[in-house]
Amino acid sequence: MPNFPNDGELLAFFAVEPKGLALGQDWFASSLEFTVIHGEEILVCKILQSAGAVSIRWTNGERELVSAHFDGIENAFILETNSEILVMRTAEKHPLEVWLQVYPRIRIEWRRSTCQ
């Protein structure tokens, strides 16, 4: 079963209410969509925790900067450095690690993880 930050941690990280959550519905089973806006930049992050799936779309005006989908997320946590980073790791033989920062600026990185 995928391990994601709890509801309060996700709300604090994105600092916006998610779309796709019906009243009384469980966050873990829901498809959540967080939209963060920084001027012309828009980040849309869709999370389906129960399936370990995350889709990220980052645009600047009409220009698409990143569009990526990650399946098999086994573990996700918020790393606190000078800013908060949502770190997500897949459960593959050669794990992929995705880093997402939304404040003070949007930043996305992914690479093969050295952690098992």
C-alpha atoms as a PDB file:
ATOM      1  CA  MET A   1       0.000   0.000   0.000  1.00  0.00           C
ATOM      2  CA  PRO A   2       1.462   3.402  -0.960  1.00  0.00           C
ATOM      3  CA  ASN A   3       2.543   5.664   1.883  1.00  0.00           C
ATOM      4  CA  PHE A   4       1.732   9.377   1.361  1.00  0.00           C
ATOM      5  CA  PRO A   5       1.761  12.385   3.708  1.00  0.00           C
ATOM      6  CA  ASN A   6      -1.466  12.772   5.678  1.00  0.00           C
ATOM      7  CA  ASP A   7      -4.288  15.126   4.644  1.00  0.00           C
ATOM      8  CA  GLY A   8      -3.075  18.021   6.802  1.00  0.00           C
ATOM      9  CA  GLU A   9       0.479  17.734   5.506  1.00  0.00           C
ATOM     10  CA  LEU A  10      -0.693  17.798   1.867  1.00  0.00           C
ATOM     11  CA  LEU A  11      -2.904  20.833   2.559  1.00  0.00           C
ATOM     12  CA  ALA A  12      -0.004  22.662   4.227  1.00  0.00           C
ATOM     13  CA  PHE A  13       2.411  21.722   1.424  1.00  0.00           C
ATOM     14  CA  PHE A  14       0.210  22.882  -1.480  1.00  0.00           C
ATOM     15  CA  ALA A  15      -1.522  25.649   0.562  1.00  0.00           C
ATOM     16  CA  VAL A  16      -4.730  25.128  -1.480  1.00  0.00           C
ATOM     17  CA  GLU A  17      -7.804  22.937  -1.115  1.00  0.00           C
ATOM     18  CA  PRO A  18      -7.848  20.000  -3.543  1.00  0.00           C
ATOM     19  CA  LYS A  19     -10.500  19.478  -6.208  1.00  0.00           C
ATOM     20  CA  GLY A  20     -12.110  16.079  -6.536  1.00  0.00           C
ATOM     21  CA  LEU A  21     -12.912  15.482  -2.892  1.00  0.00           C
ATOM     22  CA  ALA A  22     -16.572  14.905  -2.055  1.00  0.00           C
ATOM     23  CA  LEU A  23     -17.834  15.762   1.417  1.00  0.00           C
ATOM     24  CA  GLY A  24     -16.952  12.954   3.809  1.00  0.00           C
ATOM     25  CA  GLN A  25     -14.938  11.112   1.175  1.00  0.00           C
ATOM     26  CA  ASP A  26     -11.665   9.458   2.144  1.00  0.00           C
ATOM     27  CA  TRP A  27      -8.572  11.276   0.823  1.00  0.00           C
ATOM     28  CA  PHE A  28      -6.692   8.025   0.283  1.00  0.00           C
ATOM     29  CA  ALA A  29      -9.294   6.641  -2.138  1.00  0.00           C
ATOM     30  CA  SER A  30      -9.937   9.968  -3.908  1.00  0.00           C
ATOM     31  CA  SER A  31      -8.305  11.458  -6.973  1.00  0.00           C
ATOM     32  CA  LEU A  32      -7.063  14.794  -5.644  1.00  0.00           C
ATOM     33  CA  GLU A  33      -6.124  17.745  -7.847  1.00  0.00           C
ATOM     34  CA  PHE A  34      -4.066  20.570  -6.383  1.00  0.00           C
ATOM     35  CA  THR A  35      -3.628  23.757  -8.451  1.00  0.00           C
ATOM     36  CA  VAL A  36      -0.927  26.221  -7.412  1.00  0.00           C
ATOM     37  CA  ILE A  37      -0.654  29.594  -9.189  1.00  0.00           C
ATOM     38  CA  HIS A  38       2.425  31.837  -9.162  1.00  0.00           C
ATOM     39  CA  GLY A  39       1.694  34.751 -11.523  1.00  0.00           C
ATOM     40  CA  GLU A  40       1.842  33.266 -15.047  1.00  0.00           C
ATOM     41  CA  GLU A  41       2.993  29.875 -13.770  1.00  0.00           C
ATOM     42  CA  ILE A  42       0.408  27.203 -13.002  1.00  0.00           C
ATOM     43  CA  LEU A  43       1.171  23.837 -11.446  1.00  0.00           C
ATOM     44  CA  VAL A  44      -1.504  21.136 -11.454  1.00  0.00           C
ATOM     45  CA  CYS A  45      -0.698  18.033  -9.424  1.00  0.00           C
ATOM     46  CA  LYS A  46      -3.132  15.106  -9.515  1.00  0.00           C
ATOM     47  CA  ILE A  47      -2.654  12.455  -6.853  1.00  0.00           C
ATOM     48  CA  LEU A  48      -4.387   9.090  -6.572  1.00  0.00           C
ATOM     49  CA  GLN A  49      -2.843   7.789  -3.367  1.00  0.00           C
ATOM     50  CA  SER A  50      -4.509   4.363  -3.413  1.00  0.00           C
ATOM     51  CA  ALA A  51      -2.920   3.600  -6.816  1.00  0.00           C
ATOM     52  CA  GLY A  52       0.386   5.332  -6.104  1.00  0.00           C
ATOM     53  CA  ALA A  53      -0.122   7.563  -9.153  1.00  0.00           C
ATOM     54  CA  VAL A  54       0.894  11.222  -9.575  1.00  0.00           C
ATOM     55  CA  SER A  55       0.480  13.468 -12.632  1.00  0.00           C
ATOM     56  CA  ILE A  56       2.189  16.856 -12.830  1.00  0.00           C
ATOM     57  CA  ARG A  57       1.560  19.634 -15.358  1.00  0.00           C
ATOM     58  CA  TRP A  58       3.459  22.922 -15.134  1.00  0.00           C
ATOM     59  CA  THR A  59       2.744  25.787 -17.516  1.00  0.00           C
ATOM     60  CA  ASN A  60       3.926  29.356 -17.920  1.00  0.00           C
ATOM     61  CA  GLY A  61       1.210  31.241 -19.766  1.00  0.00           C
ATOM     62  CA  GLU A  62       0.466  29.257 -22.921  1.00  0.00           C
ATOM     63  CA  ARG A  63       3.773  27.361 -22.749  1.00  0.00           C
ATOM     64  CA  GLU A  64       3.845  23.878 -21.251  1.00  0.00           C
ATOM     65  CA  LEU A  65       7.047  23.395 -19.249  1.00  0.00           C
ATOM     66  CA  VAL A  66       6.477  19.898 -17.834  1.00  0.00           C
ATOM     67  CA  SER A  67       3.863  17.212 -18.285  1.00  0.00           C
ATOM     68  CA  ALA A  68       4.680  13.940 -16.526  1.00  0.00           C
ATOM     69  CA  HIS A  69       2.901  10.943 -15.026  1.00  0.00           C
ATOM     70  CA  PHE A  70       4.427   8.654 -12.419  1.00  0.00           C
ATOM     71  CA  ASP A  71       2.975   5.249 -11.451  1.00  0.00           C
ATOM     72  CA  GLY A  72       4.052   2.913  -8.699  1.00  0.00           C
ATOM     73  CA  ILE A  73       4.771   5.562  -6.060  1.00  0.00           C
ATOM     74  CA  GLU A  74       5.424   3.483  -2.959  1.00  0.00           C
ATOM     75  CA  ASN A  75       6.590   6.141  -0.537  1.00  0.00           C
ATOM     76  CA  ALA A  76       6.082   9.911  -0.369  1.00  0.00           C
ATOM     77  CA  PHE A  77       7.096  12.341   2.332  1.00  0.00           C
ATOM     78  CA  ILE A  78       7.737  16.032   2.856  1.00  0.00           C
ATOM     79  CA  LEU A  79      11.381  16.968   3.256  1.00  0.00           C
ATOM     80  CA  GLU A  80      11.931  20.196   5.156  1.00  0.00           C
ATOM     81  CA  THR A  81      15.018  22.133   4.110  1.00  0.00           C
ATOM     82  CA  ASN A  82      15.044  25.885   3.411  1.00  0.00           C
ATOM     83  CA  SER A  83      11.710  25.116   1.736  1.00  0.00           C
ATOM     84  CA  GLU A  84       9.416  22.099   1.729  1.00  0.00           C
ATOM     85  CA  ILE A  85       9.866  19.418  -0.932  1.00  0.00           C
ATOM     86  CA  LEU A  86       7.459  16.573  -1.638  1.00  0.00           C
ATOM     87  CA  VAL A  87       9.676  13.558  -2.296  1.00  0.00           C
ATOM     88  CA  MET A  88       8.080  10.549  -4.018  1.00  0.00           C
ATOM     89  CA  ARG A  89       9.771   7.197  -4.684  1.00  0.00           C
ATOM     90  CA  THR A  90       8.638   4.346  -6.914  1.00  0.00           C
ATOM     91  CA  ALA A  91       8.842   0.676  -5.966  1.00  0.00           C
ATOM     92  CA  GLU A  92      10.710  -0.481  -9.078  1.00  0.00           C
ATOM     93  CA  LYS A  93      13.887  -2.573  -9.176  1.00  0.00           C
ATOM     94  CA  HIS A  94      15.659   0.698 -10.072  1.00  0.00           C
ATOM     95  CA  PRO A  95      13.553   3.218  -8.118  1.00  0.00           C
ATOM     96  CA  LEU A  96      12.721   6.640  -9.481  1.00  0.00           C
ATOM     97  CA  GLU A  97      12.704   9.618  -7.147  1.00  0.00           C
ATOM     98  CA  VAL A  98      10.568  12.697  -7.895  1.00  0.00           C
ATOM     99  CA  TRP A  99      11.088  16.002  -6.044  1.00  0.00           C
ATOM    100  CA  LEU A 100       8.373  18.657  -6.164  1.00  0.00           C
ATOM    101  CA  GLN A 101       8.710  22.121  -4.632  1.00  0.00           C
ATOM    102  CA  VAL A 102       5.896  24.682  -4.895  1.00  0.00           C
ATOM    103  CA  TYR A 103       7.056  27.544  -2.643  1.00  0.00           C
ATOM    104  CA  PRO A 104       8.775  29.985  -2.878  1.00  0.00           C
ATOM    105  CA  ARG A 105       9.038  28.881  -6.523  1.00  0.00           C
ATOM    106  CA  ILE A 106       7.998  25.825  -8.516  1.00  0.00           C
ATOM    107  CA  ARG A 107      10.716  23.242  -9.079  1.00  0.00           C
ATOM    108  CA  ILE A 108      10.446  19.659 -10.326  1.00  0.00           C
ATOM    109  CA  GLU A 109      13.234  17.079 -10.543  1.00  0.00           C
ATOM    110  CA  TRP A 110      13.296  13.352 -11.116  1.00  0.00           C
ATOM    111  CA  ARG A 111      16.117  10.842 -11.223  1.00  0.00           C
ATOM    112  CA  ARG A 112      16.965   7.261 -10.434  1.00  0.00           C
ATOM    113  CA  SER A 113      17.033   6.857  -6.665  1.00  0.00           C
ATOM    114  CA  THR A 114      20.022   5.508  -4.794  1.00  0.00           C
ATOM    115  CA  CYS A 115      17.729   4.533  -1.877  1.00  0.00           C
ATOM    116  CA  GLN A 116      16.167   1.075  -1.787  1.00  0.00           C
END
